[in-house]
Amino acid sequence: MTVSSGSASVPVLRVEGVVKRFGDHTVLDGIDLSVDRHEVVVLIGASGSGKSTLLKTINLLEEVDDGRIMLGEEDITDPRVDADKIRARIGVVFQHFNLFPHMRVLDNVTLAARQVFRTPRADTERTGLALLERIGLGEKAREYPDRLSGGQQQRVAIARAIATDPELLLLDEITSALDPQLVGEVLDLVGELKAAGSTIVMATHEMSFARRVADRVVYLKDGRIIESGTPEQIFDSPVREETREFLSRLSPN
């Protein structure tokens, strides 16, 4: 479950001066962010701060109005790039599972490898089964998604995202649609991915988890990065007043 390839000296991701507007509303206002290989960067901030939009621009689901985004050494915001080829290098998991209900779990996990990378079915199924075993869902491989709990479905979605060994994994509030008792099993899997060396950019409202798993925490407000630092710095000794106010609202006591 490791993230693959590339020169260790080149950041996996560089977001440089990115601006995104919807009409007259500026959602991202000059975002600069660099993510090194094997680094876990956690985005925090209130709803509407720009976290999800930033992840969507990285995955080319939203076009930027200014700035650029580099994946490795390639400018992926160049209009000449093949967006599908770029997305094949990035694993994405959203808050809603987005599994195909008419396909069994194993087929969901192996779909990209078969359809995008043209890997033979026998090879993808062998890899997919091994991956499902590693996340404790090997016995569910032939089930349909509606036979799984929400936590199990989200773990399958994560398995699908990492099945092709992407360079970068984007996780967007992946526990927000889950019942509280199911959150832990999904976050435990993310912790395993970190231990295995994955490069992750993750938006979450789970502050205790952010403290535990992040190498760097980035606080966004009104489409701007207000403060960035280690979990200890951000949660224990934030420099900016905006950061202190945000965290105090989460933990008033």
C-alpha atoms as a PDB file:
ATOM      1  CA  MET A   1       0.000   0.000   0.000  1.00  0.00           C
ATOM      2  CA  THR A   2       2.837   2.399  -0.793  1.00  0.00           C
ATOM      3  CA  VAL A   3       2.708   5.368  -3.076  1.00  0.00           C
ATOM      4  CA  SER A   4       5.029   5.010  -5.984  1.00  0.00           C
ATOM      5  CA  SER A   5       7.884   6.365  -7.960  1.00  0.00           C
ATOM      6  CA  GLY A   6       9.567   9.613  -8.789  1.00  0.00           C
ATOM      7  CA  SER A   7      12.640  11.502  -7.647  1.00  0.00           C
ATOM      8  CA  ALA A   8      12.844  11.988  -3.906  1.00  0.00           C
ATOM      9  CA  SER A   9      14.177  15.528  -4.427  1.00  0.00           C
ATOM     10  CA  VAL A  10      11.134  16.768  -6.358  1.00  0.00           C
ATOM     11  CA  PRO A  11       7.957  17.459  -4.359  1.00  0.00           C
ATOM     12  CA  VAL A  12       5.080  15.218  -5.326  1.00  0.00           C
ATOM     13  CA  LEU A  13       2.797  18.256  -5.446  1.00  0.00           C
ATOM     14  CA  ARG A  14       3.289  21.995  -5.777  1.00  0.00           C
ATOM     15  CA  VAL A  15       0.369  24.402  -5.752  1.00  0.00           C
ATOM     16  CA  GLU A  16       1.604  27.836  -6.815  1.00  0.00           C
ATOM     17  CA  GLY A  17      -0.523  30.964  -6.487  1.00  0.00           C
ATOM     18  CA  VAL A  18      -3.750  29.135  -7.279  1.00  0.00           C
ATOM     19  CA  VAL A  19      -6.901  31.207  -7.587  1.00  0.00           C
ATOM     20  CA  LYS A  20     -10.367  29.807  -8.158  1.00  0.00           C
ATOM     21  CA  ARG A  21     -13.502  31.893  -8.549  1.00  0.00           C
ATOM     22  CA  PHE A  22     -17.156  30.996  -8.922  1.00  0.00           C
ATOM     23  CA  GLY A  23     -18.660  34.101 -10.464  1.00  0.00           C
ATOM     24  CA  ASP A  24     -17.747  37.027  -8.221  1.00  0.00           C
ATOM     25  CA  HIS A  25     -16.873  34.746  -5.297  1.00  0.00           C
ATOM     26  CA  THR A  26     -13.196  33.912  -4.827  1.00  0.00           C
ATOM     27  CA  VAL A  27     -12.993  30.446  -3.299  1.00  0.00           C
ATOM     28  CA  LEU A  28      -9.207  30.008  -3.485  1.00  0.00           C
ATOM     29  CA  ASP A  29      -7.196  33.197  -3.133  1.00  0.00           C
ATOM     30  CA  GLY A  30      -3.526  32.622  -3.991  1.00  0.00           C
ATOM     31  CA  ILE A  31      -2.872  29.195  -2.498  1.00  0.00           C
ATOM     32  CA  ASP A  32       0.767  28.072  -2.221  1.00  0.00           C
ATOM     33  CA  LEU A  33       1.363  24.520  -1.003  1.00  0.00           C
ATOM     34  CA  SER A  34       4.142  21.993  -1.487  1.00  0.00           C
ATOM     35  CA  VAL A  35       3.893  18.322  -0.490  1.00  0.00           C
ATOM     36  CA  ASP A  36       6.957  16.102  -0.291  1.00  0.00           C
ATOM     37  CA  ARG A  37       7.073  12.395  -0.998  1.00  0.00           C
ATOM     38  CA  HIS A  38       5.736  10.300   1.910  1.00  0.00           C
ATOM     39  CA  GLU A  39       4.349  13.422   3.600  1.00  0.00           C
ATOM     40  CA  VAL A  40       0.831  13.595   5.069  1.00  0.00           C
ATOM     41  CA  VAL A  41      -0.651  17.090   4.895  1.00  0.00           C
ATOM     42  CA  VAL A  42      -3.980  17.653   6.645  1.00  0.00           C
ATOM     43  CA  LEU A  43      -6.201  20.574   5.672  1.00  0.00           C
ATOM     44  CA  ILE A  44      -8.417  22.020   8.394  1.00  0.00           C
ATOM     45  CA  GLY A  45     -10.875  24.886   8.374  1.00  0.00           C
ATOM     46  CA  ALA A  46     -14.558  25.688   8.565  1.00  0.00           C
ATOM     47  CA  SER A  47     -17.013  24.692   5.869  1.00  0.00           C
ATOM     48  CA  GLY A  48     -16.541  26.990   2.897  1.00  0.00           C
ATOM     49  CA  SER A  49     -12.877  27.659   3.648  1.00  0.00           C
ATOM     50  CA  GLY A  50     -11.784  26.134   0.343  1.00  0.00           C
ATOM     51  CA  LYS A  51     -10.514  22.701   1.396  1.00  0.00           C
ATOM     52  CA  SER A  52     -12.671  20.628  -0.965  1.00  0.00           C
ATOM     53  CA  THR A  53     -12.244  23.053  -3.850  1.00  0.00           C
ATOM     54  CA  LEU A  54      -8.475  22.869  -3.454  1.00  0.00           C
ATOM     55  CA  LEU A  55      -8.594  19.069  -3.669  1.00  0.00           C
ATOM     56  CA  LYS A  56     -10.826  19.282  -6.735  1.00  0.00           C
ATOM     57  CA  THR A  57      -8.407  21.599  -8.506  1.00  0.00           C
ATOM     58  CA  ILE A  58      -5.548  19.192  -7.778  1.00  0.00           C
ATOM     59  CA  ASN A  59      -7.565  16.365  -9.340  1.00  0.00           C
ATOM     60  CA  LEU A  60      -8.565  18.607 -12.280  1.00  0.00           C
ATOM     61  CA  LEU A  61     -12.251  18.464 -11.407  1.00  0.00           C
ATOM     62  CA  GLU A  62     -12.188  22.268 -11.263  1.00  0.00           C
ATOM     63  CA  GLU A  63     -10.126  24.540 -13.521  1.00  0.00           C
ATOM     64  CA  VAL A  64      -7.992  27.176 -11.849  1.00  0.00           C
ATOM     65  CA  ASP A  65      -8.365  30.842 -12.796  1.00  0.00           C
ATOM     66  CA  ASP A  66      -4.768  31.691 -11.991  1.00  0.00           C
ATOM     67  CA  GLY A  67      -1.601  29.992 -10.803  1.00  0.00           C
ATOM     68  CA  ARG A  68      -0.482  26.469 -11.576  1.00  0.00           C
ATOM     69  CA  ILE A  69      -0.335  22.993 -10.067  1.00  0.00           C
ATOM     70  CA  MET A  70       2.667  20.721 -10.530  1.00  0.00           C
ATOM     71  CA  LEU A  71       2.433  16.936 -10.113  1.00  0.00           C
ATOM     72  CA  GLY A  72       6.037  15.931  -9.904  1.00  0.00           C
ATOM     73  CA  GLU A  73       7.707  17.812 -12.747  1.00  0.00           C
ATOM     74  CA  GLU A  74       4.563  18.239 -14.867  1.00  0.00           C
ATOM     75  CA  ASP A  75       2.345  21.306 -14.960  1.00  0.00           C
ATOM     76  CA  ILE A  76      -1.052  19.629 -14.788  1.00  0.00           C
ATOM     77  CA  THR A  77      -2.925  22.910 -15.184  1.00  0.00           C
ATOM     78  CA  ASP A  78      -1.508  23.312 -18.683  1.00  0.00           C
ATOM     79  CA  PRO A  79      -4.614  23.130 -20.917  1.00  0.00           C
ATOM     80  CA  ARG A  80      -2.768  20.745 -23.235  1.00  0.00           C
ATOM     81  CA  VAL A  81      -2.460  17.966 -20.642  1.00  0.00           C
ATOM     82  CA  ASP A  82      -4.582  14.825 -20.831  1.00  0.00           C
ATOM     83  CA  ALA A  83      -6.720  15.141 -17.685  1.00  0.00           C
ATOM     84  CA  ASP A  84      -7.568  11.436 -17.609  1.00  0.00           C
ATOM     85  CA  LYS A  85      -3.878  10.489 -17.624  1.00  0.00           C
ATOM     86  CA  ILE A  86      -3.239  12.901 -14.778  1.00  0.00           C
ATOM     87  CA  ARG A  87      -6.158  11.552 -12.745  1.00  0.00           C
ATOM     88  CA  ALA A  88      -4.786   8.037 -13.248  1.00  0.00           C
ATOM     89  CA  ARG A  89      -1.744   9.140 -11.235  1.00  0.00           C
ATOM     90  CA  ILE A  90      -3.871  10.397  -8.321  1.00  0.00           C
ATOM     91  CA  GLY A  91      -6.073   8.383  -5.980  1.00  0.00           C
ATOM     92  CA  VAL A  92      -9.153  10.191  -4.659  1.00  0.00           C
ATOM     93  CA  VAL A  93     -11.683   9.320  -1.963  1.00  0.00           C
ATOM     94  CA  PHE A  94     -14.645  11.587  -1.262  1.00  0.00           C
ATOM     95  CA  GLN A  95     -16.984  11.696   1.728  1.00  0.00           C
ATOM     96  CA  HIS A  96     -19.559   9.645  -0.175  1.00  0.00           C
ATOM     97  CA  PHE A  97     -18.344   6.231  -1.167  1.00  0.00           C
ATOM     98  CA  ASN A  98     -19.240   6.413  -4.883  1.00  0.00           C
ATOM     99  CA  LEU A  99     -18.966   2.664  -5.325  1.00  0.00           C
ATOM    100  CA  PHE A 100     -20.737   1.191  -8.310  1.00  0.00           C
ATOM    101  CA  PRO A 101     -23.754  -0.595  -6.783  1.00  0.00           C
ATOM    102  CA  HIS A 102     -24.119  -3.072  -9.672  1.00  0.00           C
ATOM    103  CA  MET A 103     -20.504  -4.266  -9.350  1.00  0.00           C
ATOM    104  CA  ARG A 104     -19.113  -6.595  -6.721  1.00  0.00           C
ATOM    105  CA  VAL A 105     -16.529  -5.262  -4.279  1.00  0.00           C
ATOM    106  CA  LEU A 106     -13.583  -6.843  -6.105  1.00  0.00           C
ATOM    107  CA  ASP A 107     -14.717  -5.424  -9.441  1.00  0.00           C
ATOM    108  CA  ASN A 108     -15.018  -1.948  -7.886  1.00  0.00           C
ATOM    109  CA  VAL A 109     -11.463  -2.188  -6.554  1.00  0.00           C
ATOM    110  CA  THR A 110      -9.949  -3.438  -9.821  1.00  0.00           C
ATOM    111  CA  LEU A 111     -11.907  -1.308 -12.278  1.00  0.00           C
ATOM    112  CA  ALA A 112      -9.271   1.383 -12.863  1.00  0.00           C
ATOM    113  CA  ALA A 113      -6.479  -1.119 -13.308  1.00  0.00           C
ATOM    114  CA  ARG A 114      -8.509  -2.967 -15.943  1.00  0.00           C
ATOM    115  CA  GLN A 115     -10.074  -0.030 -17.766  1.00  0.00           C
ATOM    116  CA  VAL A 116      -7.382   2.662 -17.507  1.00  0.00           C
ATOM    117  CA  PHE A 117      -4.169   0.676 -17.315  1.00  0.00           C
ATOM    118  CA  ARG A 118      -5.397  -2.335 -19.324  1.00  0.00           C
ATOM    119  CA  THR A 119      -3.999  -4.775 -16.788  1.00  0.00           C
ATOM    120  CA  PRO A 120      -5.233  -8.344 -17.377  1.00  0.00           C
ATOM    121  CA  ARG A 121      -8.186  -9.319 -15.187  1.00  0.00           C
ATOM    122  CA  ALA A 122      -6.342 -12.236 -13.576  1.00  0.00           C
ATOM    123  CA  ASP A 123      -3.544  -9.922 -12.434  1.00  0.00           C
ATOM    124  CA  THR A 124      -5.901  -7.230 -11.154  1.00  0.00           C
ATOM    125  CA  GLU A 125      -8.000  -9.744  -9.247  1.00  0.00           C
ATOM    126  CA  ARG A 126      -4.925 -11.243  -7.605  1.00  0.00           C
ATOM    127  CA  THR A 127      -3.764  -7.794  -6.526  1.00  0.00           C
ATOM    128  CA  GLY A 128      -7.270  -6.708  -5.529  1.00  0.00           C
ATOM    129  CA  LEU A 129      -7.872  -9.769  -3.384  1.00  0.00           C
ATOM    130  CA  ALA A 130      -4.553  -9.295  -1.609  1.00  0.00           C
ATOM    131  CA  LEU A 131      -5.437  -5.663  -0.944  1.00  0.00           C
ATOM    132  CA  LEU A 132      -8.874  -6.544   0.405  1.00  0.00           C
ATOM    133  CA  GLU A 133      -7.275  -9.142   2.674  1.00  0.00           C
ATOM    134  CA  ARG A 134      -4.879  -6.503   4.001  1.00  0.00           C
ATOM    135  CA  ILE A 135      -7.752  -4.204   4.977  1.00  0.00           C
ATOM    136  CA  GLY A 136      -9.764  -7.007   6.531  1.00  0.00           C
ATOM    137  CA  LEU A 137     -12.389  -7.347   3.796  1.00  0.00           C
ATOM    138  CA  GLY A 138     -11.180 -10.362   1.874  1.00  0.00           C
ATOM    139  CA  GLU A 139     -14.363 -12.272   2.652  1.00  0.00           C
ATOM    140  CA  LYS A 140     -16.437  -9.438   1.157  1.00  0.00           C
ATOM    141  CA  ALA A 141     -14.785  -9.545  -2.283  1.00  0.00           C
ATOM    142  CA  ARG A 142     -17.782 -11.140  -4.018  1.00  0.00           C
ATOM    143  CA  GLU A 143     -20.427  -9.108  -2.177  1.00  0.00           C
ATOM    144  CA  TYR A 144     -22.239  -6.088  -3.576  1.00  0.00           C
ATOM    145  CA  PRO A 145     -21.642  -2.740  -1.827  1.00  0.00           C
ATOM    146  CA  ASP A 146     -25.136  -2.562  -0.313  1.00  0.00           C
ATOM    147  CA  ARG A 147     -24.279  -5.628   1.769  1.00  0.00           C
ATOM    148  CA  LEU A 148     -21.484  -3.713   3.525  1.00  0.00           C
ATOM    149  CA  SER A 149     -21.591  -1.222   6.381  1.00  0.00           C
ATOM    150  CA  GLY A 150     -20.731   2.408   5.694  1.00  0.00           C
ATOM    151  CA  GLY A 151     -17.297   1.976   7.217  1.00  0.00           C
ATOM    152  CA  GLN A 152     -16.645  -1.102   5.097  1.00  0.00           C
ATOM    153  CA  GLN A 153     -17.767   0.714   1.951  1.00  0.00           C
ATOM    154  CA  GLN A 154     -15.433   3.602   2.677  1.00  0.00           C
ATOM    155  CA  ARG A 155     -12.540   1.205   3.227  1.00  0.00           C
ATOM    156  CA  VAL A 156     -13.343  -0.355  -0.153  1.00  0.00           C
ATOM    157  CA  ALA A 157     -13.319   3.136  -1.694  1.00  0.00           C
ATOM    158  CA  ILE A 158      -9.865   3.725  -0.219  1.00  0.00           C
ATOM    159  CA  ALA A 159      -8.692   0.335  -1.494  1.00  0.00           C
ATOM    160  CA  ARG A 160      -9.943   1.269  -4.964  1.00  0.00           C
ATOM    161  CA  ALA A 161      -8.038   4.563  -4.790  1.00  0.00           C
ATOM    162  CA  ILE A 162      -4.727   2.925  -3.906  1.00  0.00           C
ATOM    163  CA  ALA A 163      -5.072  -0.206  -6.067  1.00  0.00           C
ATOM    164  CA  THR A 164      -3.096   1.375  -8.925  1.00  0.00           C
ATOM    165  CA  ASP A 165      -0.337   2.632  -6.600  1.00  0.00           C
ATOM    166  CA  PRO A 166      -0.926   6.361  -7.225  1.00  0.00           C
ATOM    167  CA  GLU A 167       1.694   9.030  -6.705  1.00  0.00           C
ATOM    168  CA  LEU A 168      -0.666  11.064  -4.552  1.00  0.00           C
ATOM    169  CA  LEU A 169      -3.748  10.266  -2.482  1.00  0.00           C
ATOM    170  CA  LEU A 170      -6.445  12.906  -1.896  1.00  0.00           C
ATOM    171  CA  LEU A 171      -8.961  12.300   0.901  1.00  0.00           C
ATOM    172  CA  ASP A 172     -11.884  14.702   1.243  1.00  0.00           C
ATOM    173  CA  GLU A 173     -13.762  14.483   4.559  1.00  0.00           C
ATOM    174  CA  ILE A 174     -13.907  10.711   4.209  1.00  0.00           C
ATOM    175  CA  THR A 175     -15.537  10.150   7.605  1.00  0.00           C
ATOM    176  CA  SER A 176     -18.200  12.869   7.522  1.00  0.00           C
ATOM    177  CA  ALA A 177     -20.882  10.583   6.050  1.00  0.00           C
ATOM    178  CA  LEU A 178     -20.214   7.792   8.549  1.00  0.00           C
ATOM    179  CA  ASP A 179     -21.902   6.949  11.810  1.00  0.00           C
ATOM    180  CA  PRO A 180     -19.548   7.799  14.705  1.00  0.00           C
ATOM    181  CA  GLN A 181     -18.916   4.158  15.566  1.00  0.00           C
ATOM    182  CA  LEU A 182     -17.597   3.514  12.049  1.00  0.00           C
ATOM    183  CA  VAL A 183     -15.155   6.424  11.889  1.00  0.00           C
ATOM    184  CA  GLY A 184     -12.344   4.647  13.708  1.00  0.00           C
ATOM    185  CA  GLU A 185     -11.982   1.755  11.280  1.00  0.00           C
ATOM    186  CA  VAL A 186     -11.585   4.151   8.337  1.00  0.00           C
ATOM    187  CA  LEU A 187      -9.097   6.391  10.116  1.00  0.00           C
ATOM    188  CA  ASP A 188      -7.101   3.354  11.220  1.00  0.00           C
ATOM    189  CA  LEU A 189      -6.691   2.437   7.547  1.00  0.00           C
ATOM    190  CA  VAL A 190      -5.417   5.929   6.748  1.00  0.00           C
ATOM    191  CA  GLY A 191      -2.921   5.517   9.582  1.00  0.00           C
ATOM    192  CA  GLU A 192      -1.732   2.286   7.969  1.00  0.00           C
ATOM    193  CA  LEU A 193      -1.304   4.075   4.641  1.00  0.00           C
ATOM    194  CA  LYS A 194       0.830   6.717   6.335  1.00  0.00           C
ATOM    195  CA  ALA A 195       2.972   4.022   7.933  1.00  0.00           C
ATOM    196  CA  ALA A 196       3.386   2.411   4.505  1.00  0.00           C
ATOM    197  CA  GLY A 197       4.769   5.639   3.053  1.00  0.00           C
ATOM    198  CA  SER A 198       1.817   7.093   1.163  1.00  0.00           C
ATOM    199  CA  THR A 199       1.802  10.742   0.137  1.00  0.00           C
ATOM    200  CA  ILE A 200      -1.534  12.138   1.291  1.00  0.00           C
ATOM    201  CA  VAL A 201      -3.386  15.440   1.246  1.00  0.00           C
ATOM    202  CA  MET A 202      -6.438  15.095   3.462  1.00  0.00           C
ATOM    203  CA  ALA A 203      -9.246  17.442   4.453  1.00  0.00           C
ATOM    204  CA  THR A 204     -10.825  16.453   7.751  1.00  0.00           C
ATOM    205  CA  HIS A 205     -12.769  17.753  10.718  1.00  0.00           C
ATOM    206  CA  GLU A 206     -11.313  15.001  12.960  1.00  0.00           C
ATOM    207  CA  MET A 207      -8.818  17.134  14.878  1.00  0.00           C
ATOM    208  CA  SER A 208      -7.541  14.389  17.161  1.00  0.00           C
ATOM    209  CA  PHE A 209      -6.793  12.283  14.108  1.00  0.00           C
ATOM    210  CA  ALA A 210      -5.106  15.219  12.369  1.00  0.00           C
ATOM    211  CA  ARG A 211      -2.866  15.628  15.395  1.00  0.00           C
ATOM    212  CA  ARG A 212      -1.963  11.942  15.312  1.00  0.00           C
ATOM    213  CA  VAL A 213      -1.399  11.320  11.601  1.00  0.00           C
ATOM    214  CA  ALA A 214      -0.305  14.612  10.025  1.00  0.00           C
ATOM    215  CA  ASP A 215       3.257  15.607   9.287  1.00  0.00           C
ATOM    216  CA  ARG A 216       1.900  19.096   8.597  1.00  0.00           C
ATOM    217  CA  VAL A 217      -1.408  20.790   9.343  1.00  0.00           C
ATOM    218  CA  VAL A 218      -2.646  23.617   7.101  1.00  0.00           C
ATOM    219  CA  TYR A 219      -5.401  25.929   8.323  1.00  0.00           C
ATOM    220  CA  LEU A 220      -7.524  27.568   5.601  1.00  0.00           C
ATOM    221  CA  LYS A 221      -9.946  30.436   5.996  1.00  0.00           C
ATOM    222  CA  ASP A 222     -11.779  32.278   3.206  1.00  0.00           C
ATOM    223  CA  GLY A 223      -9.700  30.561   0.550  1.00  0.00           C
ATOM    224  CA  ARG A 224      -6.340  31.480   2.050  1.00  0.00           C
ATOM    225  CA  ILE A 225      -3.754  29.548   4.005  1.00  0.00           C
ATOM    226  CA  ILE A 226      -3.660  31.300   7.361  1.00  0.00           C
ATOM    227  CA  GLU A 227      -1.130  29.077   9.107  1.00  0.00           C
ATOM    228  CA  SER A 228       0.859  25.929   8.395  1.00  0.00           C
ATOM    229  CA  GLY A 229       3.013  23.885  10.722  1.00  0.00           C
ATOM    230  CA  THR A 230       3.480  20.674  12.655  1.00  0.00           C
ATOM    231  CA  PRO A 231       0.480  19.334  14.583  1.00  0.00           C
ATOM    232  CA  GLU A 232       2.146  20.388  17.820  1.00  0.00           C
ATOM    233  CA  GLN A 233       2.616  23.943  16.580  1.00  0.00           C
ATOM    234  CA  ILE A 234      -0.874  24.351  15.147  1.00  0.00           C
ATOM    235  CA  PHE A 235      -2.832  22.710  17.948  1.00  0.00           C
ATOM    236  CA  ASP A 236      -0.700  23.673  20.958  1.00  0.00           C
ATOM    237  CA  SER A 237       0.933  26.977  20.008  1.00  0.00           C
ATOM    238  CA  PRO A 238      -0.779  28.559  16.995  1.00  0.00           C
ATOM    239  CA  VAL A 239       0.782  31.856  15.930  1.00  0.00           C
ATOM    240  CA  ARG A 240      -2.179  33.490  14.209  1.00  0.00           C
ATOM    241  CA  GLU A 241      -5.205  34.792  16.073  1.00  0.00           C
ATOM    242  CA  GLU A 242      -7.536  33.367  13.390  1.00  0.00           C
ATOM    243  CA  THR A 243      -6.148  29.882  14.070  1.00  0.00           C
ATOM    244  CA  ARG A 244      -6.587  30.249  17.818  1.00  0.00           C
ATOM    245  CA  GLU A 245     -10.174  31.398  17.368  1.00  0.00           C
ATOM    246  CA  PHE A 246     -11.006  28.497  15.040  1.00  0.00           C
ATOM    247  CA  LEU A 247      -9.564  25.905  17.408  1.00  0.00           C
ATOM    248  CA  SER A 248     -11.199  27.488  20.450  1.00  0.00           C
ATOM    249  CA  ARG A 249     -14.611  27.146  18.805  1.00  0.00           C
ATOM    250  CA  LEU A 250     -13.955  23.437  18.352  1.00  0.00           C
ATOM    251  CA  SER A 251     -12.841  22.974  21.971  1.00  0.00           C
ATOM    252  CA  PRO A 252     -14.517  25.711  24.020  1.00  0.00           C
ATOM    253  CA  ASN A 253     -13.436  24.090  27.230  1.00  0.00           C
END
